[in-house]
Amino acid sequence: MPNEAVAPLVSVIIPCYNAQAYLAQAIESVLHQEAGMLEIIVVDDGSTDGSARVARGFGAAVRYEHQSNAGIAAARNRGVELSAGRYLAFLDADDLWPEGSLVLRLEMLRAHPGTACVFGAVEEFVSPELEQDTRSRTCLTHHAQPARLAGSMLIERDAFLRVGFFDPRLRVGETLDWVARAGDTGLAMRTGEAVVLRRRIHRDNTVTREKARQSDYLRALRATLARRRAGGALGADASDVLPGRETGTD
């Protein structure tokens, strides 16, 4: 771990699984941010393609870590364990941050003392390699929406650890579950309207690849409802933890 005297301001954690085609663009979108001292940690979740070569090709600008395939939640958690920054940010290996994304979120945190976690808006784009017939069948959100996704979040590291790690038992829905837990702990969160994440739509998005695990969304919701009922904090309304609205899907 870096010496505290030169610790980075933000640790950017990029989980990666067979993302050779997109990983370099994701890393470059982080390197183009103007937010002071950053560290970039790529956690390779058992890739069998050239993802390792891509990550290592950035040299000292990227810390590369390999683990056996355990899912995106476990990969993000490993990145947090390795991190040294005051703040944590996450970016999936197939997505991009637009210019100024990190500065916008840092400014939002600094403008609202007491807020420990901020999110921004997300816009979707169709990956250029998709054929026209596939594009025509793609369900795309045509306007940016505020969304509580991992890739749109910036959080104080200590605050993240108070909430706890992403649930590694969930292959999908892990961010929905984490946001719900954060809310239950009383974590001060704020969502802005500026676009901070460009979410790539392609053939192998996690929610497509993990279709057999879609029940994890229901599992996460049930766990939230049970936790809130046990604490006397929930009546019949669970709309704040359902996919959509401010809480998006992974």
Protein backbone atom coordinates (compact mmCIF):
# COMPACT_ATOMS: atom_id res chain seq x y z
CA MET A 1 0.00 0.00 0.00
CA PRO A 2 1.36 3.48 -0.84
CA ASN A 3 2.77 5.64 1.95
CA GLU A 4 0.03 7.78 3.51
CA ALA A 5 2.00 10.92 2.72
CA VAL A 6 1.54 10.28 -0.99
CA ALA A 7 -1.76 8.42 -0.84
CA PRO A 8 -4.06 9.05 -3.81
CA LEU A 9 -7.13 11.21 -3.49
CA VAL A 10 -9.35 8.73 -5.34
CA SER A 11 -8.98 5.01 -5.84
CA VAL A 12 -10.69 3.92 -9.05
CA ILE A 13 -11.60 0.23 -9.09
CA ILE A 14 -12.29 -1.47 -12.42
CA PRO A 15 -13.58 -5.06 -12.19
CA CYS A 16 -12.88 -6.98 -15.36
CA TYR A 17 -14.05 -10.26 -16.86
CA ASN A 18 -13.15 -11.06 -20.48
CA ALA A 19 -13.32 -7.36 -21.39
CA GLN A 20 -10.34 -7.18 -23.73
CA ALA A 21 -12.40 -5.33 -26.34
CA TYR A 22 -13.37 -2.48 -24.04
CA LEU A 23 -10.94 -2.33 -21.12
CA ALA A 24 -8.42 0.05 -22.69
CA GLN A 25 -11.15 2.60 -23.43
CA ALA A 26 -12.42 2.38 -19.85
CA ILE A 27 -8.94 2.93 -18.42
CA GLU A 28 -8.24 5.80 -20.80
CA SER A 29 -11.49 7.50 -19.78
CA VAL A 30 -10.20 7.48 -16.19
CA LEU A 31 -6.76 8.72 -17.14
CA HIS A 32 -8.40 11.68 -18.92
CA GLN A 33 -10.04 12.87 -15.71
CA GLU A 34 -8.66 16.00 -14.05
CA ALA A 35 -9.07 15.22 -10.40
CA GLY A 36 -5.58 15.24 -8.96
CA MET A 37 -3.80 12.13 -7.74
CA LEU A 38 -5.57 8.90 -8.69
CA GLU A 39 -4.81 5.23 -8.48
CA ILE A 40 -6.39 2.79 -10.90
CA ILE A 41 -6.86 -0.79 -9.75
CA VAL A 42 -7.97 -3.37 -12.31
CA VAL A 43 -9.22 -6.57 -10.70
CA ASP A 44 -9.32 -9.36 -13.26
CA ASP A 45 -12.06 -11.79 -12.27
CA GLY A 46 -10.60 -14.85 -13.95
CA SER A 47 -10.53 -13.61 -17.56
CA THR A 48 -9.46 -16.04 -20.26
CA ASP A 49 -8.96 -13.45 -23.01
CA GLY A 50 -6.33 -10.74 -23.35
CA SER A 51 -7.60 -8.50 -20.54
CA ALA A 52 -4.43 -8.98 -18.49
CA ARG A 53 -2.26 -7.89 -21.42
CA VAL A 54 -4.39 -4.78 -21.92
CA ALA A 55 -4.22 -3.75 -18.27
CA ARG A 56 -0.49 -4.42 -17.95
CA GLY A 57 0.08 -2.44 -21.13
CA PHE A 58 -0.60 0.77 -19.17
CA GLY A 59 2.47 0.12 -17.02
CA ALA A 60 2.73 1.86 -13.67
CA ALA A 61 -0.46 3.85 -14.32
CA VAL A 62 -2.54 0.76 -13.52
CA ARG A 63 -2.29 -1.76 -10.71
CA TYR A 64 -3.35 -5.17 -12.02
CA GLU A 65 -4.70 -7.88 -9.73
CA HIS A 66 -5.92 -11.33 -10.79
CA GLN A 67 -8.37 -13.54 -8.93
CA SER A 68 -10.30 -16.71 -9.68
CA ASN A 69 -13.75 -16.03 -11.10
CA ALA A 70 -16.01 -15.02 -8.22
CA GLY A 71 -18.26 -12.33 -9.70
CA ILE A 72 -18.27 -8.56 -10.01
CA ALA A 73 -19.08 -7.95 -6.33
CA ALA A 74 -16.06 -9.97 -5.18
CA ALA A 75 -13.85 -8.19 -7.72
CA ARG A 76 -14.94 -4.76 -6.50
CA ASN A 77 -14.42 -5.85 -2.89
CA ARG A 78 -10.87 -6.97 -3.68
CA GLY A 79 -10.20 -3.59 -5.23
CA VAL A 80 -11.42 -1.85 -2.09
CA GLU A 81 -9.11 -4.00 0.01
CA LEU A 82 -6.16 -2.93 -2.14
CA SER A 83 -7.13 0.75 -2.28
CA ALA A 84 -5.45 3.64 -0.49
CA GLY A 85 -7.51 6.65 -1.59
CA ARG A 86 -9.64 8.91 0.56
CA TYR A 87 -12.48 8.34 -1.90
CA LEU A 88 -13.60 5.28 -3.83
CA ALA A 89 -14.99 5.21 -7.36
CA PHE A 90 -15.97 2.24 -9.51
CA LEU A 91 -16.09 1.78 -13.27
CA ASP A 92 -17.11 -1.38 -15.08
CA ALA A 93 -14.62 -2.44 -17.74
CA ASP A 94 -17.09 -1.95 -20.60
CA ASP A 95 -18.28 1.53 -19.57
CA LEU A 96 -16.79 5.02 -19.83
CA TRP A 97 -16.52 8.18 -17.79
CA PRO A 98 -17.11 11.38 -19.78
CA GLU A 99 -14.66 14.24 -19.41
CA GLY A 100 -15.03 15.96 -16.05
CA SER A 101 -16.97 13.11 -14.46
CA LEU A 102 -14.81 12.79 -11.38
CA VAL A 103 -14.46 16.54 -10.83
CA LEU A 104 -18.24 16.93 -10.94
CA ARG A 105 -18.69 14.34 -8.22
CA LEU A 106 -15.88 15.69 -6.06
CA GLU A 107 -17.39 19.16 -6.30
CA MET A 108 -20.79 17.79 -5.35
CA LEU A 109 -19.32 16.21 -2.22
CA ARG A 110 -17.49 19.38 -1.25
CA ALA A 111 -20.56 21.56 -1.87
CA HIS A 112 -22.66 19.51 0.54
CA PRO A 113 -20.84 19.01 3.84
CA GLY A 114 -22.10 15.94 5.64
CA THR A 115 -22.78 14.09 2.40
CA ALA A 116 -20.55 11.02 2.19
CA CYS A 117 -21.70 9.52 -1.11
CA VAL A 118 -22.80 11.06 -4.40
CA PHE A 119 -24.14 9.74 -7.69
CA GLY A 120 -24.76 11.35 -11.07
CA ALA A 121 -26.72 10.75 -14.23
CA VAL A 122 -26.10 7.93 -16.69
CA GLU A 123 -26.47 7.87 -20.45
CA GLU A 124 -26.48 4.69 -22.50
CA PHE A 125 -24.81 4.14 -25.85
CA VAL A 126 -24.80 1.22 -28.27
CA SER A 127 -21.36 -0.27 -28.77
CA PRO A 128 -20.14 0.50 -32.32
CA GLU A 129 -19.48 -3.13 -33.25
CA LEU A 130 -23.13 -4.18 -32.96
CA GLU A 131 -24.77 -5.05 -36.28
CA GLN A 132 -27.77 -3.00 -37.39
CA ASP A 133 -30.29 -5.80 -36.81
CA THR A 134 -29.04 -6.20 -33.25
CA ARG A 135 -29.17 -2.44 -32.72
CA SER A 136 -32.80 -2.37 -33.84
CA ARG A 137 -33.70 -4.89 -31.15
CA THR A 138 -31.79 -3.08 -28.43
CA CYS A 139 -33.80 -1.47 -25.67
CA LEU A 140 -32.01 1.82 -25.12
CA THR A 141 -32.75 4.69 -22.76
CA HIS A 142 -32.54 7.70 -25.09
CA HIS A 143 -32.00 10.35 -22.43
CA ALA A 144 -29.72 10.62 -19.43
CA GLN A 145 -31.18 9.61 -16.09
CA PRO A 146 -29.92 10.05 -12.53
CA ALA A 147 -29.04 6.55 -11.36
CA ARG A 148 -27.51 4.99 -8.30
CA LEU A 149 -25.09 2.67 -10.08
CA ALA A 150 -21.61 1.70 -8.97
CA GLY A 151 -20.11 3.50 -11.96
CA SER A 152 -21.86 6.77 -11.13
CA MET A 153 -20.88 6.73 -7.45
CA LEU A 154 -18.13 8.52 -5.52
CA ILE A 155 -17.92 7.76 -1.81
CA GLU A 156 -15.65 8.40 1.13
CA ARG A 157 -13.71 5.19 1.74
CA ASP A 158 -14.49 5.18 5.46
CA ALA A 159 -18.19 5.58 4.72
CA PHE A 160 -18.12 2.65 2.29
CA LEU A 161 -16.51 0.45 4.91
CA ARG A 162 -19.13 1.44 7.49
CA VAL A 163 -21.86 0.19 5.15
CA GLY A 164 -19.84 -2.91 4.26
CA PHE A 165 -18.68 -4.64 1.11
CA PHE A 166 -20.80 -5.64 -1.88
CA ASP A 167 -22.51 -8.97 -1.24
CA PRO A 168 -20.37 -11.54 -3.15
CA ARG A 169 -23.26 -14.02 -3.16
CA LEU A 170 -25.05 -11.79 -5.69
CA ARG A 171 -23.87 -12.06 -9.30
CA VAL A 172 -26.36 -9.36 -10.31
CA GLY A 173 -28.21 -6.83 -8.17
CA GLU A 174 -25.24 -6.29 -5.87
CA THR A 175 -25.34 -2.51 -6.26
CA LEU A 176 -29.08 -2.37 -5.60
CA ASP A 177 -28.45 -4.34 -2.41
CA TRP A 178 -25.53 -2.11 -1.35
CA VAL A 179 -27.48 1.13 -1.91
CA ALA A 180 -30.37 -0.23 0.12
CA ARG A 181 -28.03 -1.13 2.97
CA ALA A 182 -26.41 2.29 2.79
CA GLY A 183 -29.82 3.92 3.11
CA ASP A 184 -30.68 1.73 6.06
CA THR A 185 -27.53 2.84 7.88
CA GLY A 186 -28.50 6.48 7.42
CA LEU A 187 -25.63 7.25 5.05
CA ALA A 188 -26.06 10.74 3.60
CA MET A 189 -26.32 10.30 -0.18
CA ARG A 190 -27.07 12.77 -2.96
CA THR A 191 -27.77 12.26 -6.67
CA GLY A 192 -26.98 14.95 -9.24
CA GLU A 193 -28.29 15.45 -12.76
CA ALA A 194 -24.98 15.90 -14.60
CA VAL A 195 -23.88 12.92 -16.70
CA VAL A 196 -20.98 11.12 -15.01
CA LEU A 197 -21.24 7.68 -16.64
CA ARG A 198 -21.68 6.38 -20.19
CA ARG A 199 -23.04 2.84 -20.03
CA ARG A 200 -22.20 0.64 -23.00
CA ILE A 201 -24.90 -1.63 -24.41
CA HIS A 202 -23.39 -4.68 -26.07
CA ARG A 203 -23.97 -8.41 -26.49
CA ASP A 204 -22.33 -9.48 -23.27
CA ASN A 205 -23.54 -7.08 -20.56
CA THR A 206 -23.49 -8.66 -17.11
CA VAL A 207 -27.28 -8.81 -16.87
CA THR A 208 -27.32 -10.71 -20.18
CA ARG A 209 -24.46 -13.04 -19.32
CA GLU A 210 -25.94 -13.80 -15.90
CA LYS A 211 -29.54 -14.42 -16.99
CA ALA A 212 -29.64 -17.55 -14.85
CA ARG A 213 -28.97 -15.37 -11.81
CA GLN A 214 -31.70 -12.78 -12.36
CA SER A 215 -33.36 -14.14 -9.23
CA ASP A 216 -30.56 -12.37 -7.34
CA TYR A 217 -32.51 -9.12 -7.81
CA LEU A 218 -35.45 -10.65 -5.98
CA ARG A 219 -33.11 -12.08 -3.37
CA ALA A 220 -31.61 -8.64 -2.74
CA LEU A 221 -35.05 -7.05 -2.47
CA ARG A 222 -36.29 -9.70 -0.05
CA ALA A 223 -33.22 -9.26 2.13
CA THR A 224 -33.84 -5.51 2.25
CA LEU A 225 -37.50 -5.91 3.15
CA ALA A 226 -36.68 -8.44 5.87
CA ARG A 227 -33.96 -6.22 7.31
CA ARG A 228 -36.22 -3.18 7.40
CA ARG A 229 -39.16 -5.02 8.89
CA ALA A 230 -36.91 -6.45 11.58
CA GLY A 231 -35.79 -2.92 12.39
CA GLY A 232 -39.28 -1.47 12.23
CA ALA A 233 -38.19 0.87 9.44
CA LEU A 234 -40.44 -0.34 6.65
CA GLY A 235 -44.13 -0.36 6.07
CA ALA A 236 -45.55 -1.49 2.77
CA ASP A 237 -43.46 0.82 0.56
CA ALA A 238 -40.28 -0.57 -0.93
CA SER A 239 -40.13 1.61 -4.03
CA ASP A 240 -36.75 3.09 -3.17
CA VAL A 241 -35.01 -0.27 -3.55
CA LEU A 242 -36.69 -1.44 -6.75
CA PRO A 243 -34.72 -1.32 -10.02
CA GLY A 244 -35.30 1.88 -11.97
CA ARG A 245 -35.98 5.38 -10.66
CA GLU A 246 -32.83 6.62 -8.91
CA THR A 247 -31.63 3.12 -8.21
CA GLY A 248 -30.63 1.61 -11.53
CA THR A 249 -29.77 -1.92 -12.51
CA ASP A 250 -26.26 -3.22 -13.04
